[in-house]
C-alpha atoms as a PDB file:
ATOM      1  CA  UNK A   1       0.010   0.068  -0.060  1.00  0.00           C
ATOM      2  CA  UNK A   2       1.287   3.576  -0.863  1.00  0.00           C
ATOM      3  CA  UNK A   3       1.884   5.200   2.497  1.00  0.00           C
ATOM      4  CA  UNK A   4       2.606   8.588   3.574  1.00  0.00           C
ATOM      5  CA  UNK A   5       4.402   9.815   6.878  1.00  0.00           C
ATOM      6  CA  UNK A   6       3.393  13.541   7.687  1.00  0.00           C
ATOM      7  CA  UNK A   7       5.982  14.642  10.445  1.00  0.00           C
ATOM      8  CA  UNK A   8       8.768  12.408   9.726  1.00  0.00           C
ATOM      9  CA  UNK A   9      11.388  14.649  11.312  1.00  0.00           C
ATOM     10  CA  UNK A  10      10.395  14.009  15.040  1.00  0.00           C
ATOM     11  CA  UNK A  11      11.377  11.055  17.095  1.00  0.00           C
ATOM     12  CA  UNK A  12       8.061   9.166  16.576  1.00  0.00           C
ATOM     13  CA  UNK A  13       8.262   9.950  12.778  1.00  0.00           C
ATOM     14  CA  UNK A  14      11.721   8.468  12.638  1.00  0.00           C
ATOM     15  CA  UNK A  15      10.583   5.240  14.343  1.00  0.00           C
ATOM     16  CA  UNK A  16       7.760   5.082  12.027  1.00  0.00           C
ATOM     17  CA  UNK A  17      10.067   5.283   9.086  1.00  0.00           C
ATOM     18  CA  UNK A  18      12.453   2.584  10.720  1.00  0.00           C
ATOM     19  CA  UNK A  19       9.811   0.123  11.147  1.00  0.00           C
ATOM     20  CA  UNK A  20       8.015   0.802   7.935  1.00  0.00           C
ATOM     21  CA  UNK A  21      11.222   0.319   5.940  1.00  0.00           C
ATOM     22  CA  UNK A  22      10.818  -3.509   6.444  1.00  0.00           C
ATOM     23  CA  UNK A  23       6.969  -3.658   6.634  1.00  0.00           C
ATOM     24  CA  UNK A  24       5.820  -6.282   4.115  1.00  0.00           C
ATOM     25  CA  UNK A  25       2.661  -4.488   2.950  1.00  0.00           C
ATOM     26  CA  UNK A  26       3.300  -0.573   3.593  1.00  0.00           C
ATOM     27  CA  UNK A  27       5.620   1.123   1.244  1.00  0.00           C
ATOM     28  CA  UNK A  28       6.416   4.630   2.117  1.00  0.00           C
ATOM     29  CA  UNK A  29       6.237   7.100  -1.036  1.00  0.00           C
ATOM     30  CA  UNK A  30       6.061  10.260   0.786  1.00  0.00           C
ATOM     31  CA  UNK A  31       7.747  11.737   4.042  1.00  0.00           C
ATOM     32  CA  UNK A  32       6.964  15.414   4.916  1.00  0.00           C
ATOM     33  CA  UNK A  33       8.689  17.609   7.563  1.00  0.00           C
ATOM     34  CA  UNK A  34       7.887  21.065   7.908  1.00  0.00           C
ATOM     35  CA  UNK A  35      11.134  23.081   8.914  1.00  0.00           C
ATOM     36  CA  UNK A  36      13.069  20.206   7.209  1.00  0.00           C
ATOM     37  CA  UNK A  37      11.513  20.299   3.979  1.00  0.00           C
ATOM     38  CA  UNK A  38      14.085  19.615   1.324  1.00  0.00           C
ATOM     39  CA  UNK A  39      16.876  18.200   3.737  1.00  0.00           C
ATOM     40  CA  UNK A  40      17.966  14.498   3.449  1.00  0.00           C
ATOM     41  CA  UNK A  41      16.043  12.351   5.534  1.00  0.00           C
ATOM     42  CA  UNK A  42      19.284  10.877   6.590  1.00  0.00           C
ATOM     43  CA  UNK A  43      20.830  14.294   7.731  1.00  0.00           C
ATOM     44  CA  UNK A  44      17.848  14.161  10.524  1.00  0.00           C
ATOM     45  CA  UNK A  45      17.919  10.388  11.065  1.00  0.00           C
ATOM     46  CA  UNK A  46      21.386   9.077  10.258  1.00  0.00           C
ATOM     47  CA  UNK A  47      20.470   5.527  11.341  1.00  0.00           C
ATOM     48  CA  UNK A  48      17.784   5.373   8.541  1.00  0.00           C
ATOM     49  CA  UNK A  49      20.097   4.579   5.584  1.00  0.00           C
ATOM     50  CA  UNK A  50      17.194   2.880   3.927  1.00  0.00           C
ATOM     51  CA  UNK A  51      15.983   6.268   3.083  1.00  0.00           C
ATOM     52  CA  UNK A  52      19.527   7.377   1.732  1.00  0.00           C
ATOM     53  CA  UNK A  53      19.028   9.579  -1.394  1.00  0.00           C
ATOM     54  CA  UNK A  54      15.601  10.748  -0.393  1.00  0.00           C
ATOM     55  CA  UNK A  55      14.464  14.243   0.943  1.00  0.00           C
ATOM     56  CA  UNK A  56      11.715  15.410   3.219  1.00  0.00           C
ATOM     57  CA  UNK A  57       8.780  16.754   1.219  1.00  0.00           C
ATOM     58  CA  UNK A  58       6.577  19.569   1.802  1.00  0.00           C
ATOM     59  CA  UNK A  59       2.959  18.644   2.873  1.00  0.00           C
ATOM     60  CA  UNK A  60       1.697  20.905   0.101  1.00  0.00           C
ATOM     61  CA  UNK A  61       3.780  18.903  -2.501  1.00  0.00           C
ATOM     62  CA  UNK A  62       2.091  15.645  -1.560  1.00  0.00           C
ATOM     63  CA  UNK A  63      -0.710  14.237  -3.869  1.00  0.00           C
ATOM     64  CA  UNK A  64      -2.979  12.635  -1.265  1.00  0.00           C
ATOM     65  CA  UNK A  65      -5.362  11.197  -4.002  1.00  0.00           C
ATOM     66  CA  UNK A  66      -2.324   8.966  -4.933  1.00  0.00           C
ATOM     67  CA  UNK A  67      -1.885   7.562  -1.356  1.00  0.00           C
ATOM     68  CA  UNK A  68      -3.699   4.710   0.355  1.00  0.00           C
ATOM     69  CA  UNK A  69      -2.453   5.160   4.060  1.00  0.00           C
ATOM     70  CA  UNK A  70      -1.267   8.154   6.077  1.00  0.00           C
ATOM     71  CA  UNK A  71       0.265   8.475   9.464  1.00  0.00           C
ATOM     72  CA  UNK A  72       0.129  11.746  10.921  1.00  0.00           C
ATOM     73  CA  UNK A  73       3.099  12.149  13.502  1.00  0.00           C
ATOM     74  CA  UNK A  74       2.404  16.081  14.092  1.00  0.00           C
ATOM     75  CA  UNK A  75       2.169  18.096  17.281  1.00  0.00           C
ATOM     76  CA  UNK A  76      -1.110  18.456  18.943  1.00  0.00           C
ATOM     77  CA  UNK A  77      -3.649  20.573  17.311  1.00  0.00           C
ATOM     78  CA  UNK A  78      -2.320  20.342  13.651  1.00  0.00           C
ATOM     79  CA  UNK A  79      -3.594  17.045  12.391  1.00  0.00           C
ATOM     80  CA  UNK A  80      -7.283  18.472  12.311  1.00  0.00           C
ATOM     81  CA  UNK A  81      -6.207  21.367  10.109  1.00  0.00           C
ATOM     82  CA  UNK A  82      -4.962  18.796   7.421  1.00  0.00           C
ATOM     83  CA  UNK A  83      -7.555  16.396   7.320  1.00  0.00           C
ATOM     84  CA  UNK A  84      -9.741  18.381   5.081  1.00  0.00           C
ATOM     85  CA  UNK A  85      -6.891  17.753   2.305  1.00  0.00           C
ATOM     86  CA  UNK A  86      -6.814  14.166   2.545  1.00  0.00           C
ATOM     87  CA  UNK A  87      -9.509  12.316   0.479  1.00  0.00           C
ATOM     88  CA  UNK A  88     -12.054  10.227   2.598  1.00  0.00           C
ATOM     89  CA  UNK A  89     -11.318   6.732   1.233  1.00  0.00           C
ATOM     90  CA  UNK A  90      -7.582   7.304   2.419  1.00  0.00           C
ATOM     91  CA  UNK A  91      -6.751   5.411   5.520  1.00  0.00           C
ATOM     92  CA  UNK A  92      -5.425   7.456   8.544  1.00  0.00           C
ATOM     93  CA  UNK A  93      -3.675   6.660  11.576  1.00  0.00           C
ATOM     94  CA  UNK A  94      -3.202   9.842  13.813  1.00  0.00           C
ATOM     95  CA  UNK A  95      -0.370   9.804  16.404  1.00  0.00           C
ATOM     96  CA  UNK A  96      -1.391  13.093  17.852  1.00  0.00           C
ATOM     97  CA  UNK A  97      -4.194  13.807  20.351  1.00  0.00           C
ATOM     98  CA  UNK A  98      -6.495  15.750  18.117  1.00  0.00           C
ATOM     99  CA  UNK A  99      -9.040  12.964  17.713  1.00  0.00           C
ATOM    100  CA  UNK A 100      -8.589  11.127  21.032  1.00  0.00           C
ATOM    101  CA  UNK A 101     -11.168  12.948  23.370  1.00  0.00           C
ATOM    102  CA  UNK A 102     -15.081  12.678  23.061  1.00  0.00           C
ATOM    103  CA  UNK A 103     -15.678  15.468  25.415  1.00  0.00           C
ATOM    104  CA  UNK A 104     -14.822  18.994  23.835  1.00  0.00           C
ATOM    105  CA  UNK A 105     -14.781  20.667  27.343  1.00  0.00           C
ATOM    106  CA  UNK A 106     -12.031  18.195  28.434  1.00  0.00           C
ATOM    107  CA  UNK A 107     -10.075  19.157  24.918  1.00  0.00           C
ATOM    108  CA  UNK A 108     -10.307  22.955  25.800  1.00  0.00           C
ATOM    109  CA  UNK A 109      -9.241  22.374  29.210  1.00  0.00           C
ATOM    110  CA  UNK A 110      -6.062  20.296  28.642  1.00  0.00           C
ATOM    111  CA  UNK A 111      -5.289  21.157  25.017  1.00  0.00           C
ATOM    112  CA  UNK A 112      -7.174  24.402  24.398  1.00  0.00           C
ATOM    113  CA  UNK A 113      -8.425  25.570  20.793  1.00  0.00           C
ATOM    114  CA  UNK A 114     -11.082  23.951  18.877  1.00  0.00           C
ATOM    115  CA  UNK A 115     -12.182  20.432  19.254  1.00  0.00           C
ATOM    116  CA  UNK A 116     -11.984  18.307  16.172  1.00  0.00           C
ATOM    117  CA  UNK A 117     -14.167  15.339  17.125  1.00  0.00           C
ATOM    118  CA  UNK A 118     -13.270  11.777  17.977  1.00  0.00           C
ATOM    119  CA  UNK A 119     -12.433   8.666  16.060  1.00  0.00           C
ATOM    120  CA  UNK A 120     -12.088   5.097  17.299  1.00  0.00           C
ATOM    121  CA  UNK A 121      -9.605   4.665  19.877  1.00  0.00           C
ATOM    122  CA  UNK A 122      -6.611   2.589  18.841  1.00  0.00           C
ATOM    123  CA  UNK A 123      -5.777   0.599  21.963  1.00  0.00           C
ATOM    124  CA  UNK A 124      -6.758  -3.187  20.714  1.00  0.00           C
ATOM    125  CA  UNK A 125      -5.923  -4.844  24.102  1.00  0.00           C
ATOM    126  CA  UNK A 126      -8.136  -2.497  26.210  1.00  0.00           C
ATOM    127  CA  UNK A 127     -11.403  -4.736  26.185  1.00  0.00           C
ATOM    128  CA  UNK A 128     -13.116  -7.382  24.225  1.00  0.00           C
ATOM    129  CA  UNK A 129     -14.565  -5.658  21.190  1.00  0.00           C
ATOM    130  CA  UNK A 130     -12.036  -2.770  20.826  1.00  0.00           C
ATOM    131  CA  UNK A 131      -9.862  -4.716  18.210  1.00  0.00           C
ATOM    132  CA  UNK A 132     -13.012  -5.350  16.359  1.00  0.00           C
ATOM    133  CA  UNK A 133     -14.145  -1.747  16.508  1.00  0.00           C
ATOM    134  CA  UNK A 134     -11.002  -0.594  15.168  1.00  0.00           C
ATOM    135  CA  UNK A 135     -10.917  -2.942  12.086  1.00  0.00           C
ATOM    136  CA  UNK A 136     -14.529  -1.579  11.029  1.00  0.00           C
ATOM    137  CA  UNK A 137     -12.898   2.180  10.698  1.00  0.00           C
ATOM    138  CA  UNK A 138     -10.748   3.763   8.409  1.00  0.00           C
ATOM    139  CA  UNK A 139      -9.433   6.575  10.563  1.00  0.00           C
ATOM    140  CA  UNK A 140      -7.926   5.617  13.901  1.00  0.00           C
ATOM    141  CA  UNK A 141      -6.769   7.917  16.962  1.00  0.00           C
ATOM    142  CA  UNK A 142      -3.432   6.359  18.324  1.00  0.00           C
ATOM    143  CA  UNK A 143      -3.228   6.644  22.153  1.00  0.00           C
ATOM    144  CA  UNK A 144      -0.959   8.575  24.179  1.00  0.00           C
ATOM    145  CA  UNK A 145       2.203   6.816  25.414  1.00  0.00           C
ATOM    146  CA  UNK A 146       1.581   7.284  29.027  1.00  0.00           C
ATOM    147  CA  UNK A 147      -2.360   6.472  28.463  1.00  0.00           C
ATOM    148  CA  UNK A 148      -1.344   3.128  26.785  1.00  0.00           C
ATOM    149  CA  UNK A 149       0.783   2.191  29.801  1.00  0.00           C
ATOM    150  CA  UNK A 150      -1.853   3.304  32.462  1.00  0.00           C
ATOM    151  CA  UNK A 151      -4.943   2.258  30.593  1.00  0.00           C
ATOM    152  CA  UNK A 152      -3.553  -1.250  30.082  1.00  0.00           C
ATOM    153  CA  UNK A 153      -2.255  -1.514  33.579  1.00  0.00           C
ATOM    154  CA  UNK A 154      -5.743  -0.702  35.116  1.00  0.00           C
ATOM    155  CA  UNK A 155      -8.150  -2.487  32.709  1.00  0.00           C
ATOM    156  CA  UNK A 156      -8.091  -6.147  34.272  1.00  0.00           C
ATOM    157  CA  UNK A 157      -8.568  -4.450  37.696  1.00  0.00           C
ATOM    158  CA  UNK A 158     -11.667  -2.350  37.192  1.00  0.00           C
ATOM    159  CA  UNK A 159     -13.887  -4.625  39.102  1.00  0.00           C
ATOM    160  CA  UNK A 160     -11.587  -5.021  41.654  1.00  0.00           C
ATOM    161  CA  UNK A 161     -10.468  -1.709  42.789  1.00  0.00           C
ATOM    162  CA  UNK A 162     -11.781   1.561  43.831  1.00  0.00           C
ATOM    163  CA  UNK A 163     -11.549   3.218  40.280  1.00  0.00           C
ATOM    164  CA  UNK A 164     -12.539   6.645  41.812  1.00  0.00           C
ATOM    165  CA  UNK A 165      -9.231   7.065  43.500  1.00  0.00           C
ATOM    166  CA  UNK A 166      -6.313   5.681  41.353  1.00  0.00           C
ATOM    167  CA  UNK A 167      -2.817   7.112  41.671  1.00  0.00           C
ATOM    168  CA  UNK A 168      -0.086   6.974  39.246  1.00  0.00           C
ATOM    169  CA  UNK A 169       3.456   7.969  39.056  1.00  0.00           C
ATOM    170  CA  UNK A 170       5.016   7.426  35.834  1.00  0.00           C
ATOM    171  CA  UNK A 171       8.629   7.948  34.426  1.00  0.00           C
ATOM    172  CA  UNK A 172       9.212   8.438  30.803  1.00  0.00           C
ATOM    173  CA  UNK A 173      12.410   9.094  28.515  1.00  0.00           C
ATOM    174  CA  UNK A 174      13.256  12.373  27.142  1.00  0.00           C
ATOM    175  CA  UNK A 175      12.053  11.514  23.658  1.00  0.00           C
ATOM    176  CA  UNK A 176       8.430  11.898  24.892  1.00  0.00           C
ATOM    177  CA  UNK A 177       8.960  15.582  25.354  1.00  0.00           C
ATOM    178  CA  UNK A 178       9.581  15.753  21.389  1.00  0.00           C
ATOM    179  CA  UNK A 179      12.596  16.716  19.350  1.00  0.00           C
ATOM    180  CA  UNK A 180      12.501  20.623  19.760  1.00  0.00           C
ATOM    181  CA  UNK A 181      15.769  21.993  21.530  1.00  0.00           C
ATOM    182  CA  UNK A 182      14.761  23.049  25.220  1.00  0.00           C
ATOM    183  CA  UNK A 183      17.123  23.859  27.972  1.00  0.00           C
ATOM    184  CA  UNK A 184      15.643  21.405  30.520  1.00  0.00           C
ATOM    185  CA  UNK A 185      16.053  18.677  28.263  1.00  0.00           C
ATOM    186  CA  UNK A 186      19.797  18.984  27.231  1.00  0.00           C
ATOM    187  CA  UNK A 187      22.359  16.106  28.127  1.00  0.00           C
ATOM    188  CA  UNK A 188      23.963  18.504  30.991  1.00  0.00           C
ATOM    189  CA  UNK A 189      20.343  19.047  32.732  1.00  0.00           C
ATOM    190  CA  UNK A 190      18.705  15.423  32.319  1.00  0.00           C
ATOM    191  CA  UNK A 191      21.705  13.215  33.142  1.00  0.00           C
ATOM    192  CA  UNK A 192      21.916  12.114  36.745  1.00  0.00           C
ATOM    193  CA  UNK A 193      18.704  13.701  37.651  1.00  0.00           C
ATOM    194  CA  UNK A 194      14.900  12.967  38.124  1.00  0.00           C
ATOM    195  CA  UNK A 195      12.426  15.643  37.982  1.00  0.00           C
ATOM    196  CA  UNK A 196       8.386  15.848  38.066  1.00  0.00           C
ATOM    197  CA  UNK A 197       6.664  17.925  35.391  1.00  0.00           C
ATOM    198  CA  UNK A 198       3.278  19.008  34.695  1.00  0.00           C
ATOM    199  CA  UNK A 199       2.750  18.538  38.469  1.00  0.00           C
ATOM    200  CA  UNK A 200      -0.549  18.867  40.093  1.00  0.00           C
ATOM    201  CA  UNK A 201      -2.762  16.447  37.996  1.00  0.00           C
ATOM    202  CA  UNK A 202      -2.540  18.852  34.739  1.00  0.00           C
ATOM    203  CA  UNK A 203      -1.088  16.203  32.425  1.00  0.00           C
ATOM    204  CA  UNK A 204      -3.167  16.144  29.104  1.00  0.00           C
ATOM    205  CA  UNK A 205      -3.150  12.262  29.100  1.00  0.00           C
ATOM    206  CA  UNK A 206      -5.360  12.363  32.317  1.00  0.00           C
ATOM    207  CA  UNK A 207      -8.822  12.700  30.573  1.00  0.00           C
ATOM    208  CA  UNK A 208      -7.814  10.259  27.842  1.00  0.00           C
ATOM    209  CA  UNK A 209      -7.134   7.533  30.501  1.00  0.00           C
ATOM    210  CA  UNK A 210     -10.304   8.413  32.791  1.00  0.00           C
ATOM    211  CA  UNK A 211     -12.285   8.440  29.271  1.00  0.00           C
ATOM    212  CA  UNK A 212     -10.811   4.899  28.264  1.00  0.00           C
ATOM    213  CA  UNK A 213     -11.559   3.473  31.564  1.00  0.00           C
ATOM    214  CA  UNK A 214     -14.938   4.702  32.026  1.00  0.00           C
ATOM    215  CA  UNK A 215     -16.173   3.149  28.854  1.00  0.00           C
ATOM    216  CA  UNK A 216     -14.710  -0.033  29.895  1.00  0.00           C
ATOM    217  CA  UNK A 217     -16.011   0.026  33.407  1.00  0.00           C
ATOM    218  CA  UNK A 218     -19.190   2.101  33.074  1.00  0.00           C
ATOM    219  CA  UNK A 219     -18.312   4.071  36.436  1.00  0.00           C
ATOM    220  CA  UNK A 220     -16.793   7.423  37.202  1.00  0.00           C
ATOM    221  CA  UNK A 221     -12.879   7.202  37.087  1.00  0.00           C
ATOM    222  CA  UNK A 222     -10.492   9.341  38.727  1.00  0.00           C
ATOM    223  CA  UNK A 223      -6.742   9.461  38.481  1.00  0.00           C
ATOM    224  CA  UNK A 224      -4.160  11.503  40.102  1.00  0.00           C
ATOM    225  CA  UNK A 225      -1.274  11.339  37.759  1.00  0.00           C
ATOM    226  CA  UNK A 226       2.384  12.469  38.083  1.00  0.00           C
ATOM    227  CA  UNK A 227       4.975  12.321  35.260  1.00  0.00           C
ATOM    228  CA  UNK A 228       8.726  12.102  36.065  1.00  0.00           C
ATOM    229  CA  UNK A 229      11.216  12.915  33.498  1.00  0.00           C
ATOM    230  CA  UNK A 230      13.930  10.229  33.612  1.00  0.00           C
ATOM    231  CA  UNK A 231      17.549  10.280  32.347  1.00  0.00           C
ATOM    232  CA  UNK A 232      17.165   7.830  29.468  1.00  0.00           C
ATOM    233  CA  UNK A 233      16.153   8.353  25.790  1.00  0.00           C
ATOM    234  CA  UNK A 234      13.100   6.148  25.735  1.00  0.00           C
ATOM    235  CA  UNK A 235      10.666   4.114  27.753  1.00  0.00           C
ATOM    236  CA  UNK A 236       8.068   4.383  30.274  1.00  0.00           C
ATOM    237  CA  UNK A 237       7.608   2.885  33.416  1.00  0.00           C
ATOM    238  CA  UNK A 238       4.357   3.526  35.231  1.00  0.00           C
ATOM    239  CA  UNK A 239       3.551   2.553  39.009  1.00  0.00           C
ATOM    240  CA  UNK A 240      -0.221   2.424  39.646  1.00  0.00           C
ATOM    241  CA  UNK A 241      -1.953   2.002  42.917  1.00  0.00           C
ATOM    242  CA  UNK A 242      -5.330   1.451  44.163  1.00  0.00           C
ATOM    243  CA  UNK A 243      -7.503   0.727  47.078  1.00  0.00           C
ATOM    244  CA  UNK A 244      -8.698  -3.081  46.642  1.00  0.00           C
ATOM    245  CA  UNK A 245     -12.753  -3.425  47.207  1.00  0.00           C
ATOM    246  CA  UNK A 246     -11.876  -6.617  48.966  1.00  0.00           C
ATOM    247  CA  UNK A 247      -8.978  -8.301  50.430  1.00  0.00           C
ATOM    248  CA  UNK A 248      -6.907 -10.155  47.799  1.00  0.00           C
ATOM    249  CA  UNK A 249      -3.673 -11.866  47.785  1.00  0.00           C
ATOM    250  CA  UNK A 250      -0.690 -11.056  45.217  1.00  0.00           C
ATOM    251  CA  UNK A 251      -1.317 -14.511  43.685  1.00  0.00           C
ATOM    252  CA  UNK A 252      -4.985 -13.937  43.001  1.00  0.00           C
ATOM    253  CA  UNK A 253      -4.319 -10.552  41.563  1.00  0.00           C
ATOM    254  CA  UNK A 254      -1.547 -11.986  39.362  1.00  0.00           C
ATOM    255  CA  UNK A 255      -4.059 -14.595  38.020  1.00  0.00           C
ATOM    256  CA  UNK A 256      -6.741 -12.064  37.141  1.00  0.00           C
ATOM    257  CA  UNK A 257      -4.171 -10.272  34.953  1.00  0.00           C
ATOM    258  CA  UNK A 258      -2.720 -13.490  33.505  1.00  0.00           C
ATOM    259  CA  UNK A 259      -6.279 -14.422  32.358  1.00  0.00           C
ATOM    260  CA  UNK A 260      -7.120 -10.848  30.982  1.00  0.00           C
ATOM    261  CA  UNK A 261      -4.068 -10.950  28.849  1.00  0.00           C
ATOM    262  CA  UNK A 262      -3.460 -14.765  28.140  1.00  0.00           C
ATOM    263  CA  UNK A 263      -4.497 -14.173  24.382  1.00  0.00           C
ATOM    264  CA  UNK A 264      -2.701 -10.881  23.872  1.00  0.00           C
ATOM    265  CA  UNK A 265       0.289 -11.442  21.669  1.00  0.00           C
ATOM    266  CA  UNK A 266       1.848  -7.840  22.819  1.00  0.00           C
ATOM    267  CA  UNK A 267       1.198  -8.110  26.452  1.00  0.00           C
ATOM    268  CA  UNK A 268       3.240  -9.966  28.952  1.00  0.00           C
ATOM    269  CA  UNK A 269       2.215 -10.315  32.429  1.00  0.00           C
ATOM    270  CA  UNK A 270       5.728 -11.574  33.847  1.00  0.00           C
ATOM    271  CA  UNK A 271       5.997 -14.429  36.238  1.00  0.00           C
ATOM    272  CA  UNK A 272       5.793 -13.301  39.939  1.00  0.00           C
ATOM    273  CA  UNK A 273       9.169 -11.945  41.143  1.00  0.00           C
ATOM    274  CA  UNK A 274      10.377 -10.652  37.614  1.00  0.00           C
ATOM    275  CA  UNK A 275       9.807  -6.753  37.248  1.00  0.00           C
ATOM    276  CA  UNK A 276       9.212  -4.707  33.851  1.00  0.00           C
ATOM    277  CA  UNK A 277      12.174  -3.208  32.706  1.00  0.00           C
ATOM    278  CA  UNK A 278      12.313  -0.041  30.119  1.00  0.00           C
ATOM    279  CA  UNK A 279      15.478  -1.447  28.542  1.00  0.00           C
ATOM    280  CA  UNK A 280      13.992  -4.779  27.607  1.00  0.00           C
ATOM    281  CA  UNK A 281      11.286  -3.218  25.486  1.00  0.00           C
ATOM    282  CA  UNK A 282      13.305  -0.735  23.403  1.00  0.00           C
ATOM    283  CA  UNK A 283      12.221  -1.058  19.728  1.00  0.00           C
ATOM    284  CA  UNK A 284       9.334  -3.552  20.744  1.00  0.00           C
ATOM    285  CA  UNK A 285       5.544  -3.120  20.483  1.00  0.00           C
ATOM    286  CA  UNK A 286       5.497  -5.233  23.821  1.00  0.00           C
ATOM    287  CA  UNK A 287       3.883  -4.287  27.062  1.00  0.00           C
ATOM    288  CA  UNK A 288       5.260  -5.830  30.472  1.00  0.00           C
ATOM    289  CA  UNK A 289       3.060  -5.962  33.471  1.00  0.00           C
ATOM    290  CA  UNK A 290       3.470  -7.058  37.138  1.00  0.00           C
ATOM    291  CA  UNK A 291       1.121  -6.883  39.924  1.00  0.00           C
ATOM    292  CA  UNK A 292       1.281  -7.275  43.718  1.00  0.00           C
ATOM    293  CA  UNK A 293      -0.953  -6.579  46.784  1.00  0.00           C
ATOM    294  CA  UNK A 294       0.197  -4.307  49.621  1.00  0.00           C
ATOM    295  CA  UNK A 295      -1.653  -5.924  52.281  1.00  0.00           C
ATOM    296  CA  UNK A 296      -0.561  -3.097  54.899  1.00  0.00           C
ATOM    297  CA  UNK A 297      -2.579  -0.874  53.042  1.00  0.00           C
ATOM    298  CA  UNK A 298      -5.158  -3.183  50.928  1.00  0.00           C
ATOM    299  CA  UNK A 299      -3.821  -1.614  47.726  1.00  0.00           C
ATOM    300  CA  UNK A 300      -3.292  -3.021  44.485  1.00  0.00           C
ATOM    301  CA  UNK A 301       0.181  -2.295  43.036  1.00  0.00           C
ATOM    302  CA  UNK A 302       0.782  -2.640  39.158  1.00  0.00           C
ATOM    303  CA  UNK A 303       3.922  -1.827  37.447  1.00  0.00           C
ATOM    304  CA  UNK A 304       3.970  -1.407  33.549  1.00  0.00           C
ATOM    305  CA  UNK A 305       6.769  -0.839  31.070  1.00  0.00           C
ATOM    306  CA  UNK A 306       6.628   0.113  27.692  1.00  0.00           C
ATOM    307  CA  UNK A 307       8.679   1.778  24.773  1.00  0.00           C
ATOM    308  CA  UNK A 308       7.298   5.421  24.478  1.00  0.00           C
ATOM    309  CA  UNK A 309       8.339   5.402  20.982  1.00  0.00           C
ATOM    310  CA  UNK A 310       6.934   1.863  20.262  1.00  0.00           C
ATOM    311  CA  UNK A 311       3.745   0.722  21.852  1.00  0.00           C
ATOM    312  CA  UNK A 312       3.392   4.310  23.020  1.00  0.00           C
ATOM    313  CA  UNK A 313       3.583   5.694  19.557  1.00  0.00           C
ATOM    314  CA  UNK A 314       4.797   4.395  15.991  1.00  0.00           C
ATOM    315  CA  UNK A 315       4.753   0.574  16.659  1.00  0.00           C
ATOM    316  CA  UNK A 316       1.121   0.879  18.078  1.00  0.00           C
ATOM    317  CA  UNK A 317       0.088   2.996  15.034  1.00  0.00           C
ATOM    318  CA  UNK A 318       1.440   0.359  12.633  1.00  0.00           C
ATOM    319  CA  UNK A 319      -0.573  -2.382  14.646  1.00  0.00           C
ATOM    320  CA  UNK A 320      -3.568  -0.120  14.119  1.00  0.00           C
ATOM    321  CA  UNK A 321      -2.819   0.456  10.467  1.00  0.00           C
ATOM    322  CA  UNK A 322      -2.459  -3.366  10.039  1.00  0.00           C
ATOM    323  CA  UNK A 323      -5.936  -3.585  11.552  1.00  0.00           C
ATOM    324  CA  UNK A 324      -7.744  -1.268   9.357  1.00  0.00           C
ATOM    325  CA  UNK A 325      -6.093  -2.447   6.400  1.00  0.00           C
ATOM    326  CA  UNK A 326      -6.999  -5.874   6.881  1.00  0.00           C
ATOM    327  CA  UNK A 327      -3.410  -7.512   7.615  1.00  0.00           C
ATOM    328  CA  UNK A 328      -2.292  -9.321  10.583  1.00  0.00           C
ATOM    329  CA  UNK A 329      -1.817  -6.912  13.495  1.00  0.00           C
ATOM    330  CA  UNK A 330       1.676  -7.955  14.214  1.00  0.00           C
ATOM    331  CA  UNK A 331       2.855  -7.416  10.450  1.00  0.00           C
ATOM    332  CA  UNK A 332       6.263  -5.560  10.514  1.00  0.00           C
ATOM    333  CA  UNK A 333       6.367  -5.511  14.331  1.00  0.00           C
ATOM    334  CA  UNK A 334       8.728  -6.749  16.649  1.00  0.00           C
ATOM    335  CA  UNK A 335       7.918  -8.537  19.938  1.00  0.00           C
ATOM    336  CA  UNK A 336      11.513  -8.626  21.275  1.00  0.00           C
ATOM    337  CA  UNK A 337      13.285  -5.480  22.558  1.00  0.00           C
ATOM    338  CA  UNK A 338      16.823  -4.691  21.649  1.00  0.00           C
ATOM    339  CA  UNK A 339      17.908  -5.309  25.262  1.00  0.00           C
ATOM    340  CA  UNK A 340      20.672  -3.472  27.236  1.00  0.00           C
END
């Protein structure tokens, strides 16, 4: 299928290009980049020698009528403005937030600007029926990176915890902040240090997570979420806690999660005693999960690791594209990480 990547100069765009270079069905014919238009793709992504000799296009130069599939890897708020230029029969996966939220008031609160509407939410493993819902659509809203790890971490537990009071502390690598130069993201500032950001429950993935879990449970969901910038390029480790409705053992909680994800190829509930590790997932579309019960406080503790550029962005976008195009959802995707 003839494929275009819009926003190919960013970290997520680069990871998309890396994965698409070996995809058996998607052939990249256009790669756009706003400020880098006209430059060699390898000047921005020197590791992508598969694209040697090719340059970034301008969006205006792309004939979308000649394209069958489009990946949008743009900053939040920019995808909606481009949609009118893309024919309705072209399949689209949007890696931005523009079409994730159903509630316009939530969009205005967390993102500001006009609400563009909502597309099907592209998290196939979220619940029974979600994968089928995605396959019936032609346009998919790819979930946020934090939202992916937290929603999949909480989903199996919605009937055994108090979902009106979920607490999450999650650390992400610096690629999650984008590629624009910022003083707080340079190596001298980041290395050997941890710091919270968007402190006080204001991170934009909060309503997305609450929306996904509310749809799953049919109940009012409240999440207190604190993100942390970690001194590593990529990866997310989320620690989730919630009060149990009734006493439960770690073994029983582990059995609940194992049952929930027993048929999910990209989600691994690790054996008891083994903890999720971000480095184990670099370059992978996998999710690693571990659970425990803190009997002292009667709280369920859930640890989740993903690659923020993989399952949190690019590889999940390809998983969704595979589904809406009728291919095996694992086509072109790696289940194994690169390791340390």
